[in-house]
């Protein structure tokens, strides 16, 4: 199956893209009046969902040439972090990383989805992270980053 090579990206065209048989027949959306001129949704800015907006197809009238160039200009002018290329070796903090992961799993979904009151639970979350050893992990990361930067 070709990944929508014959289509320009549109939310109605990308429904269940992994199953070719679920796509509507040719011309279905046009019959509903959905065309590049009538649609208000252009998937151009959904790079995180559909892939790279630098290489995906867009309807000619969806965005201006200036808008099409904006992501590339942003990428080309971006400054790399001084820590770009650094990777933390967690061998010295394995126990803490496991404990922090457990604390994160305990709180994150309740906080993300609004089930937990942030005024009450964020202080508890921070306290639990500190109890799990997050400050030790941060100190280890800083030590390794300093050594990495000095050797660079």
Protein backbone atom coordinates (compact mmCIF):
# COMPACT_ATOMS: atom_id res chain seq x y z
CA UNK A 1 0.00 0.00 0.00
CA UNK A 2 1.32 3.43 -0.88
CA UNK A 3 1.01 5.89 1.97
CA UNK A 4 -1.48 8.28 0.38
CA UNK A 5 0.82 9.05 -2.53
CA UNK A 6 -2.20 9.66 -4.73
CA UNK A 7 -3.82 12.07 -2.25
CA UNK A 8 -3.02 15.42 -0.78
CA UNK A 9 -3.19 15.30 2.99
CA UNK A 10 -6.59 16.07 4.39
CA UNK A 11 -8.11 14.75 7.62
CA UNK A 12 -10.90 13.01 5.77
CA UNK A 13 -8.43 11.33 3.44
CA UNK A 14 -6.21 10.17 6.28
CA UNK A 15 -8.85 8.27 8.24
CA UNK A 16 -7.32 4.90 9.09
CA UNK A 17 -4.45 5.23 6.64
CA UNK A 18 -3.14 1.82 7.62
CA UNK A 19 -6.09 0.03 6.05
CA UNK A 20 -6.52 0.85 2.38
CA UNK A 21 -9.95 -0.82 2.27
CA UNK A 22 -11.33 1.70 4.78
CA UNK A 23 -10.71 4.66 2.48
CA UNK A 24 -13.78 6.13 0.86
CA UNK A 25 -14.25 5.65 -2.86
CA UNK A 26 -12.73 8.12 -5.29
CA UNK A 27 -14.60 11.42 -5.35
CA UNK A 28 -16.56 10.77 -2.14
CA UNK A 29 -15.40 13.91 -0.34
CA UNK A 30 -15.69 16.04 -3.45
CA UNK A 31 -19.35 14.95 -3.65
CA UNK A 32 -19.78 16.36 -0.15
CA UNK A 33 -18.34 19.67 -1.35
CA UNK A 34 -14.98 19.20 0.36
CA UNK A 35 -12.27 20.56 -1.92
CA UNK A 36 -9.10 22.60 -1.46
CA UNK A 37 -11.25 25.71 -1.90
CA UNK A 38 -13.91 24.79 0.68
CA UNK A 39 -11.93 22.98 3.37
CA UNK A 40 -10.77 25.01 6.35
CA UNK A 41 -8.40 22.30 7.55
CA UNK A 42 -4.98 21.95 6.02
CA UNK A 43 -2.75 19.32 7.61
CA UNK A 44 0.36 21.33 6.79
CA UNK A 45 0.95 22.37 10.38
CA UNK A 46 0.42 18.95 11.97
CA UNK A 47 3.97 17.70 11.56
CA UNK A 48 3.87 15.80 14.82
CA UNK A 49 0.95 13.75 13.59
CA UNK A 50 1.64 13.24 9.90
CA UNK A 51 5.39 13.44 9.60
CA UNK A 52 7.64 16.13 8.22
CA UNK A 53 5.85 19.21 6.96
CA UNK A 54 8.96 19.85 4.86
CA UNK A 55 8.19 16.90 2.59
CA UNK A 56 4.44 16.28 2.84
CA UNK A 57 2.04 17.25 0.09
CA UNK A 58 -0.26 20.20 0.60
CA UNK A 59 -3.05 21.55 -1.52
CA UNK A 60 -1.75 24.35 -3.71
CA UNK A 61 -4.25 26.83 -2.27
CA UNK A 62 -3.93 25.58 1.31
CA UNK A 63 -1.00 27.76 2.33
CA UNK A 64 1.03 30.49 0.71
CA UNK A 65 4.57 29.94 -0.53
CA UNK A 66 5.77 32.05 2.40
CA UNK A 67 3.94 29.78 4.85
CA UNK A 68 5.38 26.70 3.14
CA UNK A 69 8.91 28.06 3.66
CA UNK A 70 8.43 29.05 7.31
CA UNK A 71 9.26 25.64 8.89
CA UNK A 72 12.39 25.31 6.74
CA UNK A 73 13.49 28.84 7.64
CA UNK A 74 12.93 28.05 11.32
CA UNK A 75 14.99 24.86 11.04
CA UNK A 76 17.77 26.55 9.08
CA UNK A 77 18.09 29.43 11.56
CA UNK A 78 17.75 27.36 14.75
CA UNK A 79 20.67 27.38 17.16
CA UNK A 80 21.83 24.09 18.58
CA UNK A 81 21.89 23.69 22.34
CA UNK A 82 25.40 23.60 23.80
CA UNK A 83 24.37 20.20 25.21
CA UNK A 84 23.44 18.84 21.76
CA UNK A 85 24.97 15.38 21.48
CA UNK A 86 25.19 14.72 25.22
CA UNK A 87 23.62 11.50 26.49
CA UNK A 88 23.24 10.74 30.18
CA UNK A 89 24.71 7.43 31.29
CA UNK A 90 22.27 6.20 33.95
CA UNK A 91 24.43 3.33 35.25
CA UNK A 92 25.20 5.22 38.49
CA UNK A 93 21.55 6.16 39.10
CA UNK A 94 19.57 3.11 37.94
CA UNK A 95 17.72 2.72 41.23
CA UNK A 96 16.73 6.38 41.30
CA UNK A 97 15.60 6.34 37.66
CA UNK A 98 13.35 3.36 38.39
CA UNK A 99 11.91 5.05 41.48
CA UNK A 100 11.34 8.31 39.56
CA UNK A 101 9.59 6.42 36.77
CA UNK A 102 7.27 4.82 39.33
CA UNK A 103 6.47 8.22 40.86
CA UNK A 104 5.86 9.70 37.42
CA UNK A 105 3.48 6.85 36.55
CA UNK A 106 1.63 7.41 39.81
CA UNK A 107 0.90 11.09 39.14
CA UNK A 108 1.22 11.96 35.46
CA UNK A 109 -2.09 10.81 34.00
CA UNK A 110 -4.15 12.22 36.84
CA UNK A 111 -2.42 15.58 36.42
CA UNK A 112 -2.45 15.55 32.61
CA UNK A 113 -6.14 14.68 32.34
CA UNK A 114 -7.30 16.93 35.17
CA UNK A 115 -8.37 14.18 37.55
CA UNK A 116 -6.05 15.51 40.24
CA UNK A 117 -6.12 19.05 41.60
CA UNK A 118 -2.73 20.56 40.65
CA UNK A 119 -2.77 22.84 43.70
CA UNK A 120 -2.82 19.76 45.91
CA UNK A 121 -0.97 17.13 43.89
CA UNK A 122 1.92 18.98 42.25
CA UNK A 123 3.56 19.66 45.64
CA UNK A 124 3.02 15.97 46.49
CA UNK A 125 4.47 14.98 43.10
CA UNK A 126 7.58 17.12 43.67
CA UNK A 127 8.01 15.73 47.18
CA UNK A 128 7.70 12.17 45.86
CA UNK A 129 10.23 12.89 43.09
CA UNK A 130 12.67 14.26 45.64
CA UNK A 131 12.11 11.18 47.81
CA UNK A 132 12.80 8.99 44.78
CA UNK A 133 16.17 10.67 44.24
CA UNK A 134 15.61 13.17 41.46
CA UNK A 135 18.14 15.59 42.96
CA UNK A 136 20.79 12.87 42.87
CA UNK A 137 19.98 12.19 39.19
CA UNK A 138 20.18 15.91 38.41
CA UNK A 139 23.56 16.17 40.16
CA UNK A 140 24.86 13.12 38.28
CA UNK A 141 23.61 14.56 34.99
CA UNK A 142 25.33 17.87 35.71
CA UNK A 143 28.60 16.12 36.58
CA UNK A 144 28.51 14.11 33.35
CA UNK A 145 27.50 17.15 31.28
CA UNK A 146 30.36 19.21 32.72
CA UNK A 147 32.86 16.42 31.96
CA UNK A 148 31.45 15.99 28.45
CA UNK A 149 31.62 19.74 27.74
CA UNK A 150 35.20 19.97 29.07
CA UNK A 151 36.30 17.10 26.82
CA UNK A 152 34.64 18.54 23.74
